[in-house]
PDB file of N, CA and C in Angstrom:
ATOM      1  N   MET A   1      11.376  -2.534 -12.751  1.00  0.00           N
ATOM      2  CA  MET A   1      10.552  -2.021 -13.822  1.00  0.00           C
ATOM      3  C   MET A   1       9.142  -2.604 -13.746  1.00  0.00           C
ATOM      4  N   GLY A   2       9.045  -3.875 -13.399  1.00  0.00           N
ATOM      5  CA  GLY A   2       7.747  -4.525 -13.281  1.00  0.00           C
ATOM      6  C   GLY A   2       6.891  -3.913 -12.186  1.00  0.00           C
ATOM      7  N   ASN A   3       7.523  -3.604 -11.029  1.00  0.00           N
ATOM      8  CA  ASN A   3       6.784  -2.975  -9.934  1.00  0.00           C
ATOM      9  C   ASN A   3       6.258  -1.604 -10.338  1.00  0.00           C
ATOM     10  N   LEU A   4       7.024  -0.881 -11.111  1.00  0.00           N
ATOM     11  CA  LEU A   4       6.600   0.444 -11.560  1.00  0.00           C
ATOM     12  C   LEU A   4       5.362   0.342 -12.451  1.00  0.00           C
ATOM     13  N   ILE A   5       5.384  -0.582 -13.377  1.00  0.00           N
ATOM     14  CA  ILE A   5       4.249  -0.761 -14.285  1.00  0.00           C
ATOM     15  C   ILE A   5       3.005  -1.196 -13.506  1.00  0.00           C
ATOM     16  N   ILE A   6       3.175  -2.151 -12.604  1.00  0.00           N
ATOM     17  CA  ILE A   6       2.050  -2.600 -11.778  1.00  0.00           C
ATOM     18  C   ILE A   6       1.525  -1.458 -10.928  1.00  0.00           C
ATOM     19  N   GLY A   7       2.425  -0.668 -10.349  1.00  0.00           N
ATOM     20  CA  GLY A   7       2.021   0.473  -9.535  1.00  0.00           C
ATOM     21  C   GLY A   7       1.238   1.507 -10.323  1.00  0.00           C
ATOM     22  N   ILE A   8       1.666   1.766 -11.538  1.00  0.00           N
ATOM     23  CA  ILE A   8       0.954   2.744 -12.381  1.00  0.00           C
ATOM     24  C   ILE A   8      -0.433   2.225 -12.741  1.00  0.00           C
ATOM     25  N   ILE A   9      -0.529   0.954 -13.125  1.00  0.00           N
ATOM     26  CA  ILE A   9      -1.830   0.366 -13.458  1.00  0.00           C
ATOM     27  C   ILE A   9      -2.751   0.377 -12.250  1.00  0.00           C
ATOM     28  N   LEU A  10      -2.220  -0.002 -11.094  1.00  0.00           N
ATOM     29  CA  LEU A  10      -3.020  -0.008  -9.872  1.00  0.00           C
ATOM     30  C   LEU A  10      -3.449   1.403  -9.486  1.00  0.00           C
ATOM     31  N   GLY A  11      -2.555   2.364  -9.628  1.00  0.00           N
ATOM     32  CA  GLY A  11      -2.888   3.749  -9.322  1.00  0.00           C
ATOM     33  C   GLY A  11      -4.007   4.294 -10.198  1.00  0.00           C
ATOM     34  N   ILE A  12      -3.937   3.985 -11.487  1.00  0.00           N
ATOM     35  CA  ILE A  12      -4.993   4.426 -12.411  1.00  0.00           C
ATOM     36  C   ILE A  12      -6.320   3.766 -12.054  1.00  0.00           C
ATOM     37  N   ALA A  13      -6.272   2.469 -11.741  1.00  0.00           N
ATOM     38  CA  ALA A  13      -7.500   1.754 -11.378  1.00  0.00           C
ATOM     39  C   ALA A  13      -8.084   2.304 -10.081  1.00  0.00           C
ATOM     40  N   LEU A  14      -7.235   2.656  -9.124  1.00  0.00           N
ATOM     41  CA  LEU A  14      -7.731   3.254  -7.877  1.00  0.00           C
ATOM     42  C   LEU A  14      -8.383   4.600  -8.153  1.00  0.00           C
ATOM     43  N   LEU A  15      -7.789   5.396  -9.008  1.00  0.00           N
ATOM     44  CA  LEU A  15      -8.380   6.691  -9.345  1.00  0.00           C
ATOM     45  C   LEU A  15      -9.721   6.533 -10.054  1.00  0.00           C
ATOM     46  N   ARG A  16      -9.873   5.456 -10.798  1.00  0.00           N
ATOM     47  CA  ARG A  16     -11.140   5.198 -11.508  1.00  0.00           C
ATOM     48  C   ARG A  16     -12.133   4.417 -10.643  1.00  0.00           C
ATOM     49  N   LEU A  17     -11.750   4.181  -9.367  1.00  0.00           N
ATOM     50  CA  LEU A  17     -12.603   3.509  -8.379  1.00  0.00           C
ATOM     51  C   LEU A  17     -13.027   2.101  -8.795  1.00  0.00           C
ATOM     52  N   LYS A  18     -12.114   1.365  -9.388  1.00  0.00           N
ATOM     53  CA  LYS A  18     -12.379  -0.035  -9.723  1.00  0.00           C
ATOM     54  C   LYS A  18     -12.359  -0.851  -8.436  1.00  0.00           C
ATOM     55  N   SER A  19     -13.389  -1.638  -8.188  1.00  0.00           N
ATOM     56  CA  SER A  19     -13.496  -2.360  -6.909  1.00  0.00           C
ATOM     57  C   SER A  19     -12.341  -3.341  -6.701  1.00  0.00           C
ATOM     58  N   TRP A  20     -11.866  -3.979  -7.759  1.00  0.00           N
ATOM     59  CA  TRP A  20     -10.763  -4.928  -7.629  1.00  0.00           C
ATOM     60  C   TRP A  20      -9.470  -4.239  -7.216  1.00  0.00           C
ATOM     61  N   SER A  21      -9.306  -2.986  -7.598  1.00  0.00           N
ATOM     62  CA  SER A  21      -8.056  -2.292  -7.284  1.00  0.00           C
ATOM     63  C   SER A  21      -7.935  -2.011  -5.788  1.00  0.00           C
ATOM     64  N   ARG A  22      -9.065  -1.783  -5.132  1.00  0.00           N
ATOM     65  CA  ARG A  22      -9.048  -1.552  -3.687  1.00  0.00           C
ATOM     66  C   ARG A  22      -8.517  -2.785  -2.967  1.00  0.00           C
ATOM     67  N   TRP A  23      -9.013  -3.959  -3.366  1.00  0.00           N
ATOM     68  CA  TRP A  23      -8.556  -5.188  -2.731  1.00  0.00           C
ATOM     69  C   TRP A  23      -7.091  -5.490  -3.044  1.00  0.00           C
ATOM     70  N   ILE A  24      -6.677  -5.252  -4.246  1.00  0.00           N
ATOM     71  CA  ILE A  24      -5.274  -5.496  -4.591  1.00  0.00           C
ATOM     72  C   ILE A  24      -4.362  -4.552  -3.818  1.00  0.00           C
ATOM     73  N   ALA A  25      -4.764  -3.300  -3.657  1.00  0.00           N
ATOM     74  CA  ALA A  25      -3.962  -2.344  -2.893  1.00  0.00           C
ATOM     75  C   ALA A  25      -3.861  -2.763  -1.430  1.00  0.00           C
ATOM     76  N   ILE A  26      -4.950  -3.256  -0.860  1.00  0.00           N
ATOM     77  CA  ILE A  26      -4.918  -3.733   0.528  1.00  0.00           C
ATOM     78  C   ILE A  26      -3.997  -4.936   0.651  1.00  0.00           C
ATOM     79  N   ILE A  27      -4.131  -5.888  -0.249  1.00  0.00           N
ATOM     80  CA  ILE A  27      -3.285  -7.085  -0.217  1.00  0.00           C
ATOM     81  C   ILE A  27      -1.819  -6.721  -0.409  1.00  0.00           C
ATOM     82  N   ALA A  28      -1.530  -5.824  -1.348  1.00  0.00           N
ATOM     83  CA  ALA A  28      -0.145  -5.413  -1.593  1.00  0.00           C
ATOM     84  C   ALA A  28       0.441  -4.728  -0.363  1.00  0.00           C
ATOM     85  N   SER A  29      -0.355  -3.930   0.325  1.00  0.00           N
ATOM     86  CA  SER A  29       0.126  -3.251   1.527  1.00  0.00           C
ATOM     87  C   SER A  29       0.420  -4.250   2.642  1.00  0.00           C
ATOM     88  N   VAL A  30      -0.445  -5.243   2.801  1.00  0.00           N
ATOM     89  CA  VAL A  30      -0.217  -6.275   3.816  1.00  0.00           C
ATOM     90  C   VAL A  30       1.054  -7.053   3.496  1.00  0.00           C
ATOM     91  N   VAL A  31       1.235  -7.405   2.237  1.00  0.00           N
ATOM     92  CA  VAL A  31       2.443  -8.143   1.835  1.00  0.00           C
ATOM     93  C   VAL A  31       3.689  -7.307   2.129  1.00  0.00           C
ATOM     94  N   GLN A  32       3.637  -6.021   1.819  1.00  0.00           N
ATOM     95  CA  GLN A  32       4.787  -5.155   2.100  1.00  0.00           C
ATOM     96  C   GLN A  32       5.078  -5.083   3.599  1.00  0.00           C
ATOM     97  N   LEU A  33       4.038  -5.097   4.422  1.00  0.00           N
ATOM     98  CA  LEU A  33       4.247  -5.072   5.871  1.00  0.00           C
ATOM     99  C   LEU A  33       4.943  -6.341   6.365  1.00  0.00           C
ATOM    100  N   LEU A  34       4.759  -7.440   5.670  1.00  0.00           N
ATOM    101  CA  LEU A  34       5.431  -8.681   6.062  1.00  0.00           C
ATOM    102  C   LEU A  34       6.948  -8.585   5.898  1.00  0.00           C
ATOM    103  N   PHE A  35       7.402  -7.695   5.031  1.00  0.00           N
ATOM    104  CA  PHE A  35       8.837  -7.546   4.787  1.00  0.00           C
ATOM    105  C   PHE A  35       9.515  -6.536   5.718  1.00  0.00           C
ATOM    106  N   VAL A  36       8.748  -5.854   6.538  1.00  0.00           N
ATOM    107  CA  VAL A  36       9.316  -4.820   7.409  1.00  0.00           C
ATOM    108  C   VAL A  36      10.386  -5.371   8.355  1.00  0.00           C
ATOM    109  N   PRO A  37      10.144  -6.485   9.055  1.00  0.00           N
ATOM    110  CA  PRO A  37      11.210  -6.996   9.937  1.00  0.00           C
ATOM    111  C   PRO A  37      12.510  -7.296   9.189  1.00  0.00           C
ATOM    112  N   HIS A  38      12.396  -7.832   8.007  1.00  0.00           N
ATOM    113  CA  HIS A  38      13.583  -8.132   7.199  1.00  0.00           C
ATOM    114  C   HIS A  38      14.320  -6.848   6.808  1.00  0.00           C
ATOM    115  N   GLU A  39      13.555  -5.822   6.417  1.00  0.00           N
ATOM    116  CA  GLU A  39      14.164  -4.551   6.033  1.00  0.00           C
ATOM    117  C   GLU A  39      14.870  -3.895   7.218  1.00  0.00           C
ATOM    118  N   ILE A  40      14.278  -3.985   8.386  1.00  0.00           N
ATOM    119  CA  ILE A  40      14.910  -3.404   9.579  1.00  0.00           C
ATOM    120  C   ILE A  40      16.175  -4.168   9.928  1.00  0.00           C
ATOM    121  N   ALA A  41      16.132  -5.496   9.791  1.00  0.00           N
ATOM    122  CA  ALA A  41      17.317  -6.308  10.089  1.00  0.00           C
ATOM    123  C   ALA A  41      18.472  -5.978   9.152  1.00  0.00           C
ATOM    124  N   LEU A  42      18.162  -5.628   7.912  1.00  0.00           N
ATOM    125  CA  LEU A  42      19.208  -5.313   6.937  1.00  0.00           C
ATOM    126  C   LEU A  42      19.587  -3.832   6.919  1.00  0.00           C
ATOM    127  N   ALA A  43      18.851  -3.023   7.667  1.00  0.00           N
ATOM    128  CA  ALA A  43      19.087  -1.578   7.640  1.00  0.00           C
ATOM    129  C   ALA A  43      20.488  -1.250   8.133  1.00  0.00           C
ATOM    130  N   GLN A  44      21.130  -0.350   7.411  1.00  0.00           N
ATOM    131  CA  GLN A  44      22.463   0.096   7.788  1.00  0.00           C
ATOM    132  C   GLN A  44      22.406   1.592   8.053  1.00  0.00           C
ATOM    133  N   GLY A  45      22.207   1.934   9.288  1.00  0.00           N
ATOM    134  CA  GLY A  45      22.148   3.335   9.655  1.00  0.00           C
ATOM    135  C   GLY A  45      20.738   3.806   9.937  1.00  0.00           C
ATOM    136  N   SER A  46      20.678   4.954  10.555  1.00  0.00           N
ATOM    137  CA  SER A  46      19.387   5.488  10.983  1.00  0.00           C
ATOM    138  C   SER A  46      18.520   5.937   9.805  1.00  0.00           C
ATOM    139  N   ILE A  47      19.135   6.364   8.718  1.00  0.00           N
ATOM    140  CA  ILE A  47      18.351   6.798   7.552  1.00  0.00           C
ATOM    141  C   ILE A  47      17.521   5.630   7.013  1.00  0.00           C
ATOM    142  N   SER A  48      18.110   4.453   6.918  1.00  0.00           N
ATOM    143  CA  SER A  48      17.391   3.272   6.427  1.00  0.00           C
ATOM    144  C   SER A  48      16.250   2.900   7.362  1.00  0.00           C
ATOM    145  N   ILE A  49      16.484   3.010   8.652  1.00  0.00           N
ATOM    146  CA  ILE A  49      15.442   2.680   9.629  1.00  0.00           C
ATOM    147  C   ILE A  49      14.302   3.693   9.546  1.00  0.00           C
ATOM    148  N   ILE A  50      14.628   4.966   9.405  1.00  0.00           N
ATOM    149  CA  ILE A  50      13.594   6.000   9.281  1.00  0.00           C
ATOM    150  C   ILE A  50      12.790   5.789   8.007  1.00  0.00           C
ATOM    151  N   ARG A  51      13.459   5.501   6.903  1.00  0.00           N
ATOM    152  CA  ARG A  51      12.771   5.256   5.636  1.00  0.00           C
ATOM    153  C   ARG A  51      11.829   4.065   5.755  1.00  0.00           C
ATOM    154  N   THR A  52      12.290   2.991   6.400  1.00  0.00           N
ATOM    155  CA  THR A  52      11.444   1.813   6.599  1.00  0.00           C
ATOM    156  C   THR A  52      10.258   2.153   7.491  1.00  0.00           C
ATOM    157  N   GLY A  53      10.482   2.952   8.519  1.00  0.00           N
ATOM    158  CA  GLY A  53       9.391   3.368   9.397  1.00  0.00           C
ATOM    159  C   GLY A  53       8.350   4.192   8.670  1.00  0.00           C
ATOM    160  N   LEU A  54       8.797   5.098   7.818  1.00  0.00           N
ATOM    161  CA  LEU A  54       7.859   5.919   7.047  1.00  0.00           C
ATOM    162  C   LEU A  54       7.071   5.080   6.045  1.00  0.00           C
ATOM    163  N   ARG A  55       7.743   4.144   5.402  1.00  0.00           N
ATOM    164  CA  ARG A  55       7.039   3.245   4.474  1.00  0.00           C
ATOM    165  C   ARG A  55       6.014   2.408   5.222  1.00  0.00           C
ATOM    166  N   THR A  56       6.375   1.957   6.425  1.00  0.00           N
ATOM    167  CA  THR A  56       5.446   1.180   7.241  1.00  0.00           C
ATOM    168  C   THR A  56       4.206   2.003   7.567  1.00  0.00           C
ATOM    169  N   LEU A  57       4.408   3.250   7.968  1.00  0.00           N
ATOM    170  CA  LEU A  57       3.273   4.131   8.258  1.00  0.00           C
ATOM    171  C   LEU A  57       2.399   4.326   7.022  1.00  0.00           C
ATOM    172  N   LEU A  58       3.015   4.466   5.869  1.00  0.00           N
ATOM    173  CA  LEU A  58       2.261   4.633   4.627  1.00  0.00           C
ATOM    174  C   LEU A  58       1.393   3.415   4.339  1.00  0.00           C
ATOM    175  N   PHE A  59       1.948   2.210   4.486  1.00  0.00           N
ATOM    176  CA  PHE A  59       1.183   0.997   4.213  1.00  0.00           C
ATOM    177  C   PHE A  59       0.059   0.809   5.223  1.00  0.00           C
ATOM    178  N   VAL A  60       0.325   1.100   6.501  1.00  0.00           N
ATOM    179  CA  VAL A  60      -0.718   1.002   7.525  1.00  0.00           C
ATOM    180  C   VAL A  60      -1.823   2.011   7.232  1.00  0.00           C
ATOM    181  N   TRP A  61      -1.449   3.234   6.859  1.00  0.00           N
ATOM    182  CA  TRP A  61      -2.447   4.253   6.528  1.00  0.00           C
ATOM    183  C   TRP A  61      -3.280   3.817   5.322  1.00  0.00           C
ATOM    184  N   ALA A  62      -2.644   3.254   4.298  1.00  0.00           N
ATOM    185  CA  ALA A  62      -3.369   2.819   3.102  1.00  0.00           C
ATOM    186  C   ALA A  62      -4.402   1.751   3.455  1.00  0.00           C
ATOM    187  N   ILE A  63      -4.011   0.797   4.281  1.00  0.00           N
ATOM    188  CA  ILE A  63      -4.948  -0.249   4.704  1.00  0.00           C
ATOM    189  C   ILE A  63      -6.098   0.371   5.494  1.00  0.00           C
ATOM    190  N   TRP A  64      -5.767   1.243   6.433  1.00  0.00           N
ATOM    191  CA  TRP A  64      -6.791   1.899   7.249  1.00  0.00           C
ATOM    192  C   TRP A  64      -7.760   2.686   6.365  1.00  0.00           C
ATOM    193  N   TYR A  65      -7.217   3.486   5.463  1.00  0.00           N
ATOM    194  CA  TYR A  65      -8.061   4.338   4.618  1.00  0.00           C
ATOM    195  C   TYR A  65      -8.951   3.512   3.690  1.00  0.00           C
ATOM    196  N   LEU A  66      -8.393   2.507   3.055  1.00  0.00           N
ATOM    197  CA  LEU A  66      -9.155   1.710   2.098  1.00  0.00           C
ATOM    198  C   LEU A  66     -10.219   0.839   2.754  1.00  0.00           C
ATOM    199  N   THR A  67     -10.179   0.706   4.079  1.00  0.00           N
ATOM    200  CA  THR A  67     -11.189  -0.072   4.789  1.00  0.00           C
ATOM    201  C   THR A  67     -12.241   0.814   5.466  1.00  0.00           C
ATOM    202  N   ARG A  68     -12.168   2.124   5.291  1.00  0.00           N
ATOM    203  CA  ARG A  68     -13.182   3.033   5.860  1.00  0.00           C
ATOM    204  C   ARG A  68     -14.505   2.823   5.121  1.00  0.00           C
ATOM    205  N   PRO A  69     -15.618   2.946   5.849  1.00  0.00           N
ATOM    206  CA  PRO A  69     -16.936   2.723   5.239  1.00  0.00           C
ATOM    207  C   PRO A  69     -17.218   3.604   4.028  1.00  0.00           C
ATOM    208  N   HIS A  70     -16.882   4.885   4.094  1.00  0.00           N
ATOM    209  CA  HIS A  70     -17.182   5.770   2.962  1.00  0.00           C
ATOM    210  C   HIS A  70     -16.334   5.427   1.738  1.00  0.00           C
ATOM    211  N   VAL A  71     -15.158   4.910   1.943  1.00  0.00           N
ATOM    212  CA  VAL A  71     -14.310   4.516   0.819  1.00  0.00           C
ATOM    213  C   VAL A  71     -14.847   3.230   0.189  1.00  0.00           C
ATOM    214  N   LYS A  72     -15.255   2.275   1.028  1.00  0.00           N
ATOM    215  CA  LYS A  72     -15.870   1.044   0.519  1.00  0.00           C
ATOM    216  C   LYS A  72     -17.087   1.383  -0.345  1.00  0.00           C
ATOM    217  N   THR A  73     -17.907   2.299   0.167  1.00  0.00           N
ATOM    218  CA  THR A  73     -19.116   2.698  -0.564  1.00  0.00           C
ATOM    219  C   THR A  73     -18.762   3.341  -1.905  1.00  0.00           C
ATOM    220  N   ALA A  74     -17.742   4.176  -1.915  1.00  0.00           N
ATOM    221  CA  ALA A  74     -17.339   4.834  -3.162  1.00  0.00           C
ATOM    222  C   ALA A  74     -16.893   3.813  -4.206  1.00  0.00           C
ATOM    223  N   PHE A  75     -16.192   2.780  -3.786  1.00  0.00           N
ATOM    224  CA  PHE A  75     -15.725   1.777  -4.734  1.00  0.00           C
ATOM    225  C   PHE A  75     -16.865   0.863  -5.192  1.00  0.00           C
ATOM    226  N   LYS A  76     -17.868   0.666  -4.350  1.00  0.00           N
ATOM    227  CA  LYS A  76     -19.016  -0.168  -4.747  1.00  0.00           C
ATOM    228  C   LYS A  76     -19.924   0.557  -5.724  1.00  0.00           C
ATOM    229  N   SER A  77     -20.075   1.858  -5.538  1.00  0.00           N
ATOM    230  CA  SER A  77     -21.012   2.605  -6.376  1.00  0.00           C
ATOM    231  C   SER A  77     -20.441   2.954  -7.746  1.00  0.00           C
ATOM    232  N   ALA A  78     -19.137   2.830  -7.902  1.00  0.00           N
ATOM    233  CA  ALA A  78     -18.518   3.193  -9.201  1.00  0.00           C
ATOM    234  C   ALA A  78     -18.649   2.090 -10.208  1.00  0.00           C
TER     235      ALA A  78
END
């Protein structure tokens, strides 16, 4: 329940282009990537591995996107 509330607050802040939310989203994505090896080790079946792989791609994409120059500029100007 706590993750859901934090996610909603962070999502709203990202939509409003709050500069702090960009950094928190990047940090949260990096932290989630640290858990990928553990999730793969505990995966039971190919569905779990595919789900972990897709989540990994999502976090990598989020980090990549939030570090693009035009995105940085958008968060600074808001």
